[in-house]
Amino acid sequence: MAEFLASKDVSTLKKVIESTMTSKIGAPVSVEGHSVSKKELCLDVLRREPSWGLAFCALGREVPKGETIKLPDGRDMGKIDLYLEAIRHKPDCDLAYRNIAMNVGEGQTIKLPDGRSLGKTDLYLEAIRHNRNCGVAYIDLALSIGERRTLTLHDGRKLDRIGLYVEALRCDPGRASWYYDFAVDLPKDATATLHDGRKMTEKDLYLECIRLDPQHPQSDTRA
């Protein structure tokens, strides 16, 4: 497989990485019809372009927490170090900030390459600052902040927990599980207005989850 990858133009391999940044962890990817390990793909790109930030971010998703991987330049790096290296080379890499936040405990901070130390919530906000359409960051924030808390985003928007769910669904209105999560948090007598104008009750959100994914494991538990 190493010979196959080495025979391909690096721009082709980079496009595969870009198109599979949020694919299932551990799943192989297709390079011109050949099934390739995502780790092998990222390492081959880094061998040829050692400062391409997205390869570090994609590789970070593939490395289990607590383990390290040897890079082509001989360095051993763990999950968070790979995400930080992605940010060092690509400071606007929204998924790197989001993925670090996923691996940071409450009260813990991470020092970024620019010297700032950010905690979990600020890392999610940083992801949104670099990509207003980073739906996963909105949903992660909605699931992690307190019911009465309101966050001020870098663009001045103030969003409470409900507002974060609405923004997440604006970014990806076809994500069934997000309707389920929203339904769980929406008070029984409340109505939420989505960006497309639909007014949704708790029951409406569960039904939308079922419509999008009839096999959703929890979609019919409270509808």
N, C-alpha and C. Protein backbone atom coordinates (compact mmCIF):
# COMPACT_ATOMS: atom_id res chain seq x y z
N MET A 1 0.81 -1.21 0.00
CA MET A 1 0.00 0.00 0.00
C MET A 1 0.85 1.27 0.00
N ALA A 2 2.01 1.20 0.66
CA ALA A 2 2.91 2.36 0.68
C ALA A 2 3.34 2.74 -0.74
N GLU A 3 3.62 1.73 -1.56
CA GLU A 3 4.03 2.00 -2.94
C GLU A 3 2.88 2.61 -3.73
N PHE A 4 1.67 2.11 -3.50
CA PHE A 4 0.50 2.65 -4.19
C PHE A 4 0.32 4.13 -3.85
N LEU A 5 0.38 4.48 -2.57
CA LEU A 5 0.20 5.87 -2.16
C LEU A 5 1.32 6.75 -2.71
N ALA A 6 2.55 6.22 -2.67
CA ALA A 6 3.69 7.00 -3.15
C ALA A 6 3.58 7.31 -4.64
N SER A 7 2.82 6.47 -5.35
CA SER A 7 2.68 6.68 -6.81
C SER A 7 1.63 7.74 -7.14
N LYS A 8 0.88 8.19 -6.14
CA LYS A 8 -0.20 9.13 -6.39
C LYS A 8 0.26 10.56 -6.11
N ASP A 9 -0.29 11.48 -6.87
CA ASP A 9 0.02 12.89 -6.66
C ASP A 9 -0.51 13.32 -5.30
N VAL A 10 0.29 14.09 -4.57
CA VAL A 10 -0.10 14.46 -3.21
C VAL A 10 -1.39 15.28 -3.19
N SER A 11 -1.65 16.04 -4.23
CA SER A 11 -2.89 16.83 -4.27
C SER A 11 -4.12 15.93 -4.30
N THR A 12 -3.99 14.77 -4.94
CA THR A 12 -5.09 13.81 -4.98
C THR A 12 -5.36 13.26 -3.58
N LEU A 13 -4.29 12.93 -2.87
CA LEU A 13 -4.43 12.38 -1.52
C LEU A 13 -4.99 13.43 -0.56
N LYS A 14 -4.59 14.67 -0.73
CA LYS A 14 -5.09 15.74 0.14
C LYS A 14 -6.60 15.94 -0.05
N LYS A 15 -7.06 15.80 -1.28
CA LYS A 15 -8.50 15.94 -1.53
C LYS A 15 -9.29 14.84 -0.84
N VAL A 16 -8.72 13.63 -0.80
CA VAL A 16 -9.39 12.53 -0.10
C VAL A 16 -9.49 12.85 1.39
N ILE A 17 -8.42 13.35 1.98
CA ILE A 17 -8.43 13.70 3.40
C ILE A 17 -9.46 14.80 3.66
N GLU A 18 -9.47 15.82 2.82
CA GLU A 18 -10.41 16.94 2.99
C GLU A 18 -11.85 16.47 2.94
N SER A 19 -12.14 15.50 2.08
CA SER A 19 -13.53 15.04 1.90
C SER A 19 -13.95 14.02 2.95
N THR A 20 -13.02 13.56 3.78
CA THR A 20 -13.36 12.54 4.79
C THR A 20 -12.99 12.98 6.20
N MET A 21 -12.93 14.31 6.43
CA MET A 21 -12.52 14.81 7.74
C MET A 21 -13.45 14.36 8.87
N THR A 22 -14.71 14.13 8.57
CA THR A 22 -15.65 13.72 9.61
C THR A 22 -16.20 12.31 9.37
N SER A 23 -15.47 11.52 8.59
CA SER A 23 -15.91 10.14 8.34
C SER A 23 -15.74 9.30 9.60
N LYS A 24 -16.29 8.11 9.58
CA LYS A 24 -16.24 7.23 10.74
C LYS A 24 -14.79 6.92 11.13
N ILE A 25 -14.49 7.08 12.41
CA ILE A 25 -13.13 6.84 12.90
C ILE A 25 -12.77 5.36 12.71
N GLY A 26 -11.59 5.13 12.16
CA GLY A 26 -11.11 3.77 11.95
C GLY A 26 -11.53 3.15 10.64
N ALA A 27 -12.48 3.79 9.94
CA ALA A 27 -12.95 3.24 8.67
C ALA A 27 -11.96 3.57 7.55
N PRO A 28 -11.71 2.63 6.65
CA PRO A 28 -10.82 2.92 5.52
C PRO A 28 -11.45 3.94 4.58
N VAL A 29 -10.62 4.59 3.79
CA VAL A 29 -11.11 5.54 2.80
C VAL A 29 -10.72 5.03 1.42
N SER A 30 -11.38 5.56 0.40
CA SER A 30 -11.14 5.11 -0.97
C SER A 30 -10.25 6.10 -1.71
N VAL A 31 -9.16 5.58 -2.27
CA VAL A 31 -8.28 6.38 -3.12
C VAL A 31 -8.29 5.73 -4.50
N GLU A 32 -8.99 6.34 -5.42
CA GLU A 32 -9.12 5.82 -6.79
C GLU A 32 -9.53 4.35 -6.81
N GLY A 33 -10.51 4.03 -5.96
CA GLY A 33 -11.05 2.68 -5.92
C GLY A 33 -10.33 1.71 -5.01
N HIS A 34 -9.21 2.13 -4.43
CA HIS A 34 -8.46 1.28 -3.50
C HIS A 34 -8.78 1.66 -2.05
N SER A 35 -9.02 0.66 -1.22
CA SER A 35 -9.31 0.89 0.20
C SER A 35 -8.00 1.13 0.94
N VAL A 36 -7.93 2.27 1.62
CA VAL A 36 -6.68 2.69 2.26
C VAL A 36 -6.95 3.08 3.71
N SER A 37 -6.03 2.72 4.59
CA SER A 37 -6.11 3.15 5.98
C SER A 37 -5.95 4.66 6.06
N LYS A 38 -6.81 5.31 6.84
CA LYS A 38 -6.71 6.77 6.99
C LYS A 38 -5.36 7.15 7.61
N LYS A 39 -4.87 6.35 8.53
CA LYS A 39 -3.56 6.63 9.14
C LYS A 39 -2.47 6.62 8.09
N GLU A 40 -2.45 5.57 7.26
CA GLU A 40 -1.44 5.47 6.21
C GLU A 40 -1.51 6.65 5.26
N LEU A 41 -2.72 7.04 4.92
CA LEU A 41 -2.93 8.15 4.00
C LEU A 41 -2.35 9.45 4.58
N CYS A 42 -2.69 9.73 5.83
CA CYS A 42 -2.20 10.96 6.48
C CYS A 42 -0.68 10.96 6.61
N LEU A 43 -0.13 9.83 6.99
CA LEU A 43 1.32 9.75 7.17
C LEU A 43 2.05 9.93 5.84
N ASP A 44 1.47 9.39 4.77
CA ASP A 44 2.12 9.57 3.46
C ASP A 44 2.11 11.04 3.05
N VAL A 45 0.99 11.73 3.29
CA VAL A 45 0.92 13.15 2.95
C VAL A 45 1.91 13.95 3.80
N LEU A 46 2.01 13.63 5.08
CA LEU A 46 2.93 14.36 5.95
C LEU A 46 4.39 14.07 5.60
N ARG A 47 4.65 12.90 5.05
CA ARG A 47 6.01 12.60 4.60
C ARG A 47 6.42 13.56 3.49
N ARG A 48 5.44 13.91 2.65
CA ARG A 48 5.74 14.78 1.51
C ARG A 48 5.46 16.25 1.79
N GLU A 49 4.49 16.52 2.64
CA GLU A 49 4.16 17.91 3.00
C GLU A 49 4.02 17.99 4.53
N PRO A 50 5.14 18.09 5.24
CA PRO A 50 5.13 18.01 6.70
C PRO A 50 4.47 19.17 7.42
N SER A 51 4.01 20.19 6.69
CA SER A 51 3.35 21.31 7.35
C SER A 51 1.88 21.45 6.94
N TRP A 52 1.31 20.39 6.36
CA TRP A 52 -0.10 20.47 5.95
C TRP A 52 -0.99 20.16 7.14
N GLY A 53 -1.60 21.20 7.70
CA GLY A 53 -2.32 21.10 8.96
C GLY A 53 -3.45 20.09 9.00
N LEU A 54 -4.24 19.98 7.93
CA LEU A 54 -5.39 19.09 7.96
C LEU A 54 -5.01 17.63 8.15
N ALA A 55 -3.81 17.25 7.69
CA ALA A 55 -3.37 15.87 7.88
C ALA A 55 -3.17 15.57 9.37
N PHE A 56 -2.65 16.54 10.11
CA PHE A 56 -2.48 16.35 11.56
C PHE A 56 -3.84 16.21 12.24
N CYS A 57 -4.79 17.05 11.81
CA CYS A 57 -6.13 16.99 12.41
C CYS A 57 -6.80 15.65 12.12
N ALA A 58 -6.74 15.22 10.86
CA ALA A 58 -7.35 13.94 10.48
C ALA A 58 -6.68 12.78 11.21
N LEU A 59 -5.37 12.85 11.36
CA LEU A 59 -4.63 11.80 12.04
C LEU A 59 -4.99 11.75 13.53
N GLY A 60 -5.22 12.93 14.12
CA GLY A 60 -5.59 12.98 15.53
C GLY A 60 -6.86 12.21 15.82
N ARG A 61 -7.81 12.22 14.89
CA ARG A 61 -9.06 11.47 15.09
C ARG A 61 -8.81 9.96 15.11
N GLU A 62 -7.76 9.52 14.42
CA GLU A 62 -7.52 8.08 14.28
C GLU A 62 -6.69 7.50 15.42
N VAL A 63 -6.03 8.35 16.19
CA VAL A 63 -5.16 7.87 17.27
C VAL A 63 -5.96 7.78 18.57
N PRO A 64 -6.06 6.60 19.18
CA PRO A 64 -6.81 6.47 20.43
C PRO A 64 -6.19 7.33 21.55
N LYS A 65 -7.04 7.82 22.42
CA LYS A 65 -6.57 8.62 23.55
C LYS A 65 -5.61 7.79 24.39
N GLY A 66 -4.49 8.38 24.76
CA GLY A 66 -3.49 7.68 25.56
C GLY A 66 -2.44 6.98 24.75
N GLU A 67 -2.62 6.90 23.43
CA GLU A 67 -1.63 6.28 22.56
C GLU A 67 -0.92 7.35 21.73
N THR A 68 0.19 6.97 21.12
CA THR A 68 0.93 7.89 20.26
C THR A 68 1.17 7.23 18.90
N ILE A 69 1.56 8.04 17.94
CA ILE A 69 1.90 7.53 16.62
C ILE A 69 3.19 8.20 16.18
N LYS A 70 4.04 7.45 15.50
CA LYS A 70 5.32 8.00 15.03
C LYS A 70 5.12 8.67 13.67
N LEU A 71 5.52 9.92 13.59
CA LEU A 71 5.40 10.68 12.35
C LEU A 71 6.59 10.43 11.45
N PRO A 72 6.49 10.77 10.18
CA PRO A 72 7.61 10.54 9.25
C PRO A 72 8.91 11.24 9.68
N ASP A 73 8.79 12.34 10.45
CA ASP A 73 10.00 13.04 10.89
C ASP A 73 10.58 12.47 12.18
N GLY A 74 9.98 11.37 12.67
CA GLY A 74 10.51 10.69 13.85
C GLY A 74 9.85 11.06 15.15
N ARG A 75 9.04 12.11 15.18
CA ARG A 75 8.37 12.52 16.41
C ARG A 75 7.24 11.56 16.76
N ASP A 76 7.03 11.35 18.06
CA ASP A 76 5.88 10.59 18.54
C ASP A 76 4.85 11.57 19.07
N MET A 77 3.63 11.48 18.60
CA MET A 77 2.59 12.41 19.02
C MET A 77 1.31 11.69 19.40
N GLY A 78 0.67 12.20 20.46
CA GLY A 78 -0.63 11.71 20.87
C GLY A 78 -1.75 12.54 20.26
N LYS A 79 -2.98 12.20 20.62
CA LYS A 79 -4.16 12.83 20.02
C LYS A 79 -4.16 14.35 20.13
N ILE A 80 -4.06 14.88 21.34
CA ILE A 80 -4.15 16.33 21.51
C ILE A 80 -2.95 17.03 20.88
N ASP A 81 -1.77 16.43 20.98
CA ASP A 81 -0.59 17.03 20.35
C ASP A 81 -0.77 17.15 18.84
N LEU A 82 -1.42 16.17 18.24
CA LEU A 82 -1.67 16.23 16.79
C LEU A 82 -2.63 17.37 16.45
N TYR A 83 -3.66 17.54 17.28
CA TYR A 83 -4.58 18.65 17.04
C TYR A 83 -3.88 20.00 17.21
N LEU A 84 -3.02 20.10 18.21
CA LEU A 84 -2.28 21.35 18.42
C LEU A 84 -1.33 21.62 17.25
N GLU A 85 -0.75 20.57 16.72
CA GLU A 85 0.14 20.73 15.57
C GLU A 85 -0.66 21.18 14.34
N ALA A 86 -1.90 20.67 14.23
CA ALA A 86 -2.77 21.12 13.14
C ALA A 86 -3.01 22.62 13.26
N ILE A 87 -3.28 23.09 14.48
CA ILE A 87 -3.54 24.52 14.70
C ILE A 87 -2.28 25.34 14.45
N ARG A 88 -1.13 24.80 14.80
CA ARG A 88 0.12 25.54 14.59
C ARG A 88 0.32 25.83 13.10
N HIS A 89 -0.02 24.87 12.26
CA HIS A 89 0.15 25.05 10.82
C HIS A 89 -1.08 25.67 10.14
N LYS A 90 -2.23 25.49 10.77
CA LYS A 90 -3.49 26.02 10.20
C LYS A 90 -4.33 26.60 11.34
N PRO A 91 -4.05 27.85 11.73
CA PRO A 91 -4.71 28.43 12.92
C PRO A 91 -6.23 28.52 12.82
N ASP A 92 -6.80 28.40 11.62
CA ASP A 92 -8.25 28.47 11.48
C ASP A 92 -8.90 27.09 11.33
N CYS A 93 -8.21 26.06 11.78
CA CYS A 93 -8.73 24.69 11.66
C CYS A 93 -9.80 24.45 12.72
N ASP A 94 -11.05 24.73 12.38
CA ASP A 94 -12.15 24.67 13.36
C ASP A 94 -12.30 23.29 13.98
N LEU A 95 -12.14 22.24 13.18
CA LEU A 95 -12.32 20.88 13.72
C LEU A 95 -11.25 20.53 14.75
N ALA A 96 -10.06 21.10 14.61
CA ALA A 96 -9.01 20.82 15.60
C ALA A 96 -9.40 21.40 16.96
N TYR A 97 -9.92 22.63 16.97
CA TYR A 97 -10.37 23.23 18.24
C TYR A 97 -11.51 22.41 18.83
N ARG A 98 -12.45 22.03 17.99
CA ARG A 98 -13.60 21.27 18.47
C ARG A 98 -13.15 19.92 19.03
N ASN A 99 -12.24 19.26 18.33
CA ASN A 99 -11.81 17.93 18.77
C ASN A 99 -10.98 17.99 20.04
N ILE A 100 -10.21 19.06 20.21
CA ILE A 100 -9.51 19.23 21.49
C ILE A 100 -10.53 19.39 22.61
N ALA A 101 -11.55 20.22 22.37
CA ALA A 101 -12.58 20.44 23.38
C ALA A 101 -13.24 19.14 23.80
N MET A 102 -13.43 18.23 22.85
CA MET A 102 -14.04 16.94 23.14
C MET A 102 -13.18 16.11 24.10
N ASN A 103 -11.88 16.40 24.13
CA ASN A 103 -10.96 15.60 24.93
C ASN A 103 -10.44 16.34 26.16
N VAL A 104 -11.04 17.50 26.45
CA VAL A 104 -10.62 18.30 27.61
C VAL A 104 -11.69 18.19 28.69
N GLY A 105 -11.25 17.97 29.92
CA GLY A 105 -12.19 17.88 31.02
C GLY A 105 -12.63 19.26 31.50
N GLU A 106 -13.74 19.30 32.24
CA GLU A 106 -14.21 20.55 32.82
C GLU A 106 -13.15 21.08 33.77
N GLY A 107 -12.84 22.38 33.64
CA GLY A 107 -11.84 22.99 34.50
C GLY A 107 -10.42 22.87 33.99
N GLN A 108 -10.23 22.06 32.96
CA GLN A 108 -8.89 21.88 32.38
C GLN A 108 -8.69 22.90 31.25
N THR A 109 -7.46 23.36 31.09
CA THR A 109 -7.15 24.26 29.98
C THR A 109 -6.04 23.66 29.13
N ILE A 110 -5.99 24.10 27.89
CA ILE A 110 -4.97 23.65 26.94
C ILE A 110 -4.26 24.89 26.40
N LYS A 111 -2.93 24.85 26.40
CA LYS A 111 -2.16 25.97 25.86
C LYS A 111 -2.01 25.80 24.36
N LEU A 112 -2.46 26.80 23.60
CA LEU A 112 -2.40 26.77 22.15
C LEU A 112 -1.04 27.25 21.65
N PRO A 113 -0.73 26.97 20.39
CA PRO A 113 0.56 27.41 19.83
C PRO A 113 0.79 28.92 19.92
N ASP A 114 -0.29 29.72 19.96
CA ASP A 114 -0.13 31.17 20.04
C ASP A 114 0.02 31.67 21.47
N GLY A 115 0.07 30.74 22.44
CA GLY A 115 0.29 31.10 23.83
C GLY A 115 -0.97 31.20 24.67
N ARG A 116 -2.14 31.26 24.05
CA ARG A 116 -3.39 31.33 24.81
C ARG A 116 -3.69 29.99 25.48
N SER A 117 -4.30 30.07 26.67
CA SER A 117 -4.76 28.87 27.36
C SER A 117 -6.29 28.89 27.37
N LEU A 118 -6.90 27.92 26.74
CA LEU A 118 -8.36 27.88 26.61
C LEU A 118 -8.94 26.64 27.26
N GLY A 119 -10.10 26.83 27.89
CA GLY A 119 -10.84 25.70 28.44
C GLY A 119 -11.84 25.16 27.44
N LYS A 120 -12.62 24.20 27.90
CA LYS A 120 -13.53 23.46 27.03
C LYS A 120 -14.49 24.38 26.25
N THR A 121 -15.22 25.24 26.96
CA THR A 121 -16.20 26.10 26.31
C THR A 121 -15.53 27.05 25.32
N ASP A 122 -14.41 27.66 25.73
CA ASP A 122 -13.72 28.61 24.85
C ASP A 122 -13.17 27.93 23.60
N LEU A 123 -12.80 26.66 23.71
CA LEU A 123 -12.33 25.93 22.53
C LEU A 123 -13.47 25.72 21.53
N TYR A 124 -14.66 25.38 22.03
CA TYR A 124 -15.81 25.27 21.14
C TYR A 124 -16.12 26.62 20.47
N LEU A 125 -16.06 27.69 21.27
CA LEU A 125 -16.32 29.02 20.71
C LEU A 125 -15.28 29.41 19.67
N GLU A 126 -14.05 28.98 19.88
CA GLU A 126 -12.99 29.27 18.92
C GLU A 126 -13.26 28.53 17.61
N ALA A 127 -13.78 27.31 17.70
CA ALA A 127 -14.14 26.56 16.49
C ALA A 127 -15.20 27.32 15.70
N ILE A 128 -16.21 27.84 16.41
CA ILE A 128 -17.28 28.59 15.74
C ILE A 128 -16.75 29.91 15.18
N ARG A 129 -15.80 30.53 15.88
CA ARG A 129 -15.23 31.78 15.37
C ARG A 129 -14.60 31.57 14.00
N HIS A 130 -13.96 30.42 13.81
CA HIS A 130 -13.29 30.15 12.54
C HIS A 130 -14.23 29.54 11.49
N ASN A 131 -15.35 28.99 11.95
CA ASN A 131 -16.32 28.43 11.01
C ASN A 131 -17.71 28.58 11.61
N ARG A 132 -18.42 29.60 11.16
CA ARG A 132 -19.77 29.89 11.70
C ARG A 132 -20.72 28.73 11.47
N ASN A 133 -20.38 27.83 10.56
CA ASN A 133 -21.24 26.70 10.23
C ASN A 133 -20.75 25.39 10.81
N CYS A 134 -19.95 25.46 11.86
CA CYS A 134 -19.45 24.25 12.52
C CYS A 134 -20.53 23.68 13.44
N GLY A 135 -21.46 22.96 12.83
CA GLY A 135 -22.62 22.47 13.56
C GLY A 135 -22.29 21.63 14.78
N VAL A 136 -21.26 20.81 14.67
CA VAL A 136 -20.92 19.93 15.79
C VAL A 136 -20.49 20.72 17.01
N ALA A 137 -19.89 21.90 16.81
CA ALA A 137 -19.49 22.73 17.95
C ALA A 137 -20.71 23.30 18.65
N TYR A 138 -21.72 23.73 17.88
CA TYR A 138 -22.95 24.22 18.50
C TYR A 138 -23.63 23.12 19.32
N ILE A 139 -23.73 21.93 18.73
CA ILE A 139 -24.45 20.86 19.43
C ILE A 139 -23.68 20.42 20.67
N ASP A 140 -22.36 20.37 20.58
CA ASP A 140 -21.56 20.00 21.76
C ASP A 140 -21.73 21.02 22.88
N LEU A 141 -21.77 22.31 22.51
CA LEU A 141 -21.99 23.36 23.51
C LEU A 141 -23.37 23.23 24.13
N ALA A 142 -24.39 22.98 23.30
CA ALA A 142 -25.75 22.84 23.81
C ALA A 142 -25.85 21.70 24.81
N LEU A 143 -25.12 20.63 24.56
CA LEU A 143 -25.17 19.46 25.44
C LEU A 143 -24.34 19.64 26.71
N SER A 144 -23.46 20.65 26.71
CA SER A 144 -22.53 20.77 27.84
C SER A 144 -22.79 21.96 28.76
N ILE A 145 -23.48 23.01 28.27
CA ILE A 145 -23.67 24.18 29.13
C ILE A 145 -24.92 24.02 29.98
N GLY A 146 -24.99 24.79 31.06
CA GLY A 146 -26.15 24.75 31.94
C GLY A 146 -27.39 25.31 31.27
N GLU A 147 -28.55 24.91 31.79
CA GLU A 147 -29.83 25.28 31.19
C GLU A 147 -30.04 26.78 31.16
N ARG A 148 -29.56 27.51 32.17
CA ARG A 148 -29.81 28.94 32.26
C ARG A 148 -28.66 29.79 31.74
N ARG A 149 -27.63 29.17 31.22
CA ARG A 149 -26.46 29.93 30.79
C ARG A 149 -26.62 30.47 29.37
N THR A 150 -26.11 31.66 29.14
CA THR A 150 -26.08 32.26 27.82
C THR A 150 -24.64 32.55 27.44
N LEU A 151 -24.26 32.21 26.22
CA LEU A 151 -22.91 32.42 25.74
C LEU A 151 -22.88 33.57 24.74
N THR A 152 -21.82 34.37 24.81
CA THR A 152 -21.61 35.42 23.82
C THR A 152 -20.55 34.94 22.84
N LEU A 153 -20.93 34.83 21.57
CA LEU A 153 -20.01 34.37 20.54
C LEU A 153 -19.12 35.53 20.07
N HIS A 154 -18.06 35.18 19.34
CA HIS A 154 -17.10 36.20 18.91
C HIS A 154 -17.73 37.24 17.99
N ASP A 155 -18.82 36.87 17.29
CA ASP A 155 -19.47 37.82 16.39
C ASP A 155 -20.55 38.64 17.10
N GLY A 156 -20.65 38.48 18.42
CA GLY A 156 -21.60 39.27 19.19
C GLY A 156 -22.92 38.58 19.46
N ARG A 157 -23.20 37.47 18.79
CA ARG A 157 -24.46 36.76 19.04
C ARG A 157 -24.49 36.21 20.46
N LYS A 158 -25.65 36.30 21.08
CA LYS A 158 -25.84 35.72 22.40
C LYS A 158 -26.80 34.54 22.27
N LEU A 159 -26.34 33.36 22.66
CA LEU A 159 -27.14 32.15 22.48
C LEU A 159 -27.26 31.39 23.79
N ASP A 160 -28.50 31.03 24.13
CA ASP A 160 -28.71 30.12 25.24
C ASP A 160 -28.71 28.70 24.70
N ARG A 161 -29.06 27.76 25.56
CA ARG A 161 -29.00 26.35 25.15
C ARG A 161 -29.91 26.07 23.96
N ILE A 162 -31.13 26.64 23.99
CA ILE A 162 -32.07 26.43 22.88
C ILE A 162 -31.52 27.05 21.60
N GLY A 163 -30.96 28.25 21.72
CA GLY A 163 -30.39 28.92 20.55
C GLY A 163 -29.27 28.13 19.91
N LEU A 164 -28.49 27.44 20.74
CA LEU A 164 -27.39 26.62 20.22
C LEU A 164 -27.92 25.44 19.41
N TYR A 165 -29.00 24.82 19.90
CA TYR A 165 -29.61 23.73 19.13
C TYR A 165 -30.13 24.25 17.79
N VAL A 166 -30.77 25.40 17.81
CA VAL A 166 -31.31 25.98 16.58
C VAL A 166 -30.19 26.25 15.58
N GLU A 167 -29.06 26.78 16.07
CA GLU A 167 -27.93 27.05 15.18
C GLU A 167 -27.34 25.75 14.63
N ALA A 168 -27.27 24.72 15.47
CA ALA A 168 -26.75 23.44 15.00
C ALA A 168 -27.60 22.91 13.85
N LEU A 169 -28.93 23.00 13.99
CA LEU A 169 -29.82 22.50 12.95
C LEU A 169 -29.82 23.39 11.72
N ARG A 170 -29.49 24.67 11.88
CA ARG A 170 -29.29 25.52 10.70
C ARG A 170 -28.13 24.99 9.87
N CYS A 171 -27.06 24.57 10.56
CA CYS A 171 -25.87 24.07 9.87
C CYS A 171 -26.11 22.72 9.21
N ASP A 172 -26.89 21.87 9.87
CA ASP A 172 -27.12 20.52 9.33
C ASP A 172 -28.53 20.09 9.67
N PRO A 173 -29.53 20.53 8.88
CA PRO A 173 -30.93 20.21 9.19
C PRO A 173 -31.31 18.76 8.99
N GLY A 174 -30.39 17.95 8.48
CA GLY A 174 -30.71 16.55 8.24
C GLY A 174 -30.15 15.60 9.28
N ARG A 175 -29.64 16.11 10.38
CA ARG A 175 -29.01 15.26 11.40
C ARG A 175 -30.06 14.81 12.41
N ALA A 176 -30.54 13.60 12.27
CA ALA A 176 -31.64 13.09 13.09
C ALA A 176 -31.35 13.15 14.58
N SER A 177 -30.15 12.75 14.97
CA SER A 177 -29.83 12.67 16.40
C SER A 177 -29.89 14.03 17.08
N TRP A 178 -29.67 15.11 16.30
CA TRP A 178 -29.71 16.44 16.91
C TRP A 178 -31.14 16.85 17.24
N TYR A 179 -32.12 16.41 16.44
CA TYR A 179 -33.52 16.66 16.78
C TYR A 179 -33.88 15.91 18.07
N TYR A 180 -33.36 14.71 18.20
CA TYR A 180 -33.62 13.94 19.41
C TYR A 180 -33.03 14.65 20.63
N ASP A 181 -31.76 15.09 20.53
CA ASP A 181 -31.13 15.78 21.65
C ASP A 181 -31.90 17.05 22.02
N PHE A 182 -32.35 17.77 21.00
CA PHE A 182 -33.11 19.00 21.21
C PHE A 182 -34.42 18.69 21.93
N ALA A 183 -35.09 17.62 21.49
CA ALA A 183 -36.35 17.24 22.12
C ALA A 183 -36.17 16.90 23.59
N VAL A 184 -35.09 16.23 23.91
CA VAL A 184 -34.82 15.87 25.30
C VAL A 184 -34.69 17.12 26.17
N ASP A 185 -34.08 18.17 25.65
CA ASP A 185 -33.82 19.38 26.43
C ASP A 185 -34.95 20.42 26.38
N LEU A 186 -35.80 20.36 25.35
CA LEU A 186 -36.85 21.36 25.22
C LEU A 186 -37.95 21.11 26.25
N PRO A 187 -38.29 22.12 27.06
CA PRO A 187 -39.38 21.95 28.03
C PRO A 187 -40.67 21.50 27.35
N LYS A 188 -41.47 20.70 28.04
CA LYS A 188 -42.64 20.07 27.43
C LYS A 188 -43.63 21.07 26.84
N ASP A 189 -43.80 22.22 27.46
CA ASP A 189 -44.79 23.18 26.97
C ASP A 189 -44.18 24.26 26.08
N ALA A 190 -42.88 24.12 25.74
CA ALA A 190 -42.19 25.15 24.96
C ALA A 190 -42.27 24.86 23.47
N THR A 191 -42.06 25.90 22.68
CA THR A 191 -41.99 25.80 21.22
C THR A 191 -40.73 26.51 20.76
N ALA A 192 -39.98 25.88 19.86
CA ALA A 192 -38.76 26.48 19.33
C ALA A 192 -38.97 26.77 17.85
N THR A 193 -38.50 27.93 17.40
CA THR A 193 -38.60 28.30 15.99
C THR A 193 -37.27 28.06 15.30
N LEU A 194 -37.25 27.19 14.31
CA LEU A 194 -36.03 26.89 13.58
C LEU A 194 -35.77 27.96 12.54
N HIS A 195 -34.58 27.93 11.94
CA HIS A 195 -34.21 28.94 10.97
C HIS A 195 -35.07 28.91 9.71
N ASP A 196 -35.67 27.75 9.42
CA ASP A 196 -36.53 27.67 8.24
C ASP A 196 -37.96 28.11 8.54
N GLY A 197 -38.20 28.60 9.77
CA GLY A 197 -39.51 29.11 10.14
C GLY A 197 -40.42 28.11 10.82
N ARG A 198 -40.06 26.85 10.81
CA ARG A 198 -40.90 25.85 11.47
C ARG A 198 -40.91 26.04 12.97
N LYS A 199 -42.09 25.92 13.57
CA LYS A 199 -42.22 25.99 15.02
C LYS A 199 -42.37 24.56 15.53
N MET A 200 -41.45 24.17 16.40
CA MET A 200 -41.37 22.76 16.81
C MET A 200 -41.59 22.61 18.31
N THR A 201 -42.48 21.70 18.68
CA THR A 201 -42.64 21.30 20.06
C THR A 201 -41.74 20.10 20.33
N GLU A 202 -41.73 19.67 21.57
CA GLU A 202 -40.95 18.47 21.91
C GLU A 202 -41.38 17.29 21.03
N LYS A 203 -42.69 17.09 20.87
CA LYS A 203 -43.19 15.97 20.06
C LYS A 203 -42.78 16.14 18.60
N ASP A 204 -42.87 17.37 18.08
CA ASP A 204 -42.48 17.61 16.68
C ASP A 204 -41.02 17.23 16.45
N LEU A 205 -40.16 17.54 17.40
CA LEU A 205 -38.73 17.24 17.26
C LEU A 205 -38.49 15.72 17.25
N TYR A 206 -39.21 15.01 18.11
CA TYR A 206 -39.08 13.54 18.09
C TYR A 206 -39.57 12.97 16.76
N LEU A 207 -40.68 13.50 16.26
CA LEU A 207 -41.23 12.99 15.00
C LEU A 207 -40.28 13.29 13.83
N GLU A 208 -39.62 14.45 13.87
CA GLU A 208 -38.66 14.78 12.82
C GLU A 208 -37.47 13.84 12.87
N CYS A 209 -37.05 13.49 14.08
CA CYS A 209 -35.96 12.53 14.24
C CYS A 209 -36.36 11.19 13.60
N ILE A 210 -37.58 10.74 13.86
CA ILE A 210 -38.06 9.47 13.31
C ILE A 210 -38.16 9.56 11.78
N ARG A 211 -38.63 10.70 11.27
CA ARG A 211 -38.76 10.86 9.82
C ARG A 211 -37.41 10.74 9.13
N LEU A 212 -36.40 11.37 9.74
CA LEU A 212 -35.07 11.36 9.14
C LEU A 212 -34.36 10.03 9.32
N ASP A 213 -34.64 9.37 10.45
CA ASP A 213 -33.97 8.10 10.73
C ASP A 213 -34.91 7.19 11.51
N PRO A 214 -35.74 6.43 10.79
CA PRO A 214 -36.70 5.54 11.47
C PRO A 214 -36.02 4.52 12.38
N GLN A 215 -34.72 4.26 12.16
CA GLN A 215 -34.01 3.28 12.97
C GLN A 215 -33.24 3.91 14.12
N HIS A 216 -33.41 5.21 14.32
CA HIS A 216 -32.69 5.87 15.42
C HIS A 216 -33.01 5.14 16.72
N PRO A 217 -31.99 4.72 17.47
CA PRO A 217 -32.21 3.82 18.61
C PRO A 217 -33.09 4.39 19.70
N GLN A 218 -33.21 5.73 19.80
CA GLN A 218 -34.00 6.29 20.88
C GLN A 218 -35.14 7.19 20.37
N SER A 219 -35.36 7.17 19.08
CA SER A 219 -36.27 8.15 18.48
C SER A 219 -37.71 8.02 18.95
N ASP A 220 -38.13 6.82 19.34
CA ASP A 220 -39.54 6.67 19.69
C ASP A 220 -39.76 6.50 21.18
N THR A 221 -38.75 6.80 22.00
CA THR A 221 -38.88 6.51 23.43
C THR A 221 -39.80 7.48 24.16
N ARG A 222 -39.92 8.73 23.61
CA ARG A 222 -40.73 9.71 24.32
C ARG A 222 -41.70 10.43 23.38
N ALA A 223 -41.78 10.03 22.15
CA ALA A 223 -42.65 10.74 21.19
C ALA A 223 -44.12 10.55 21.51
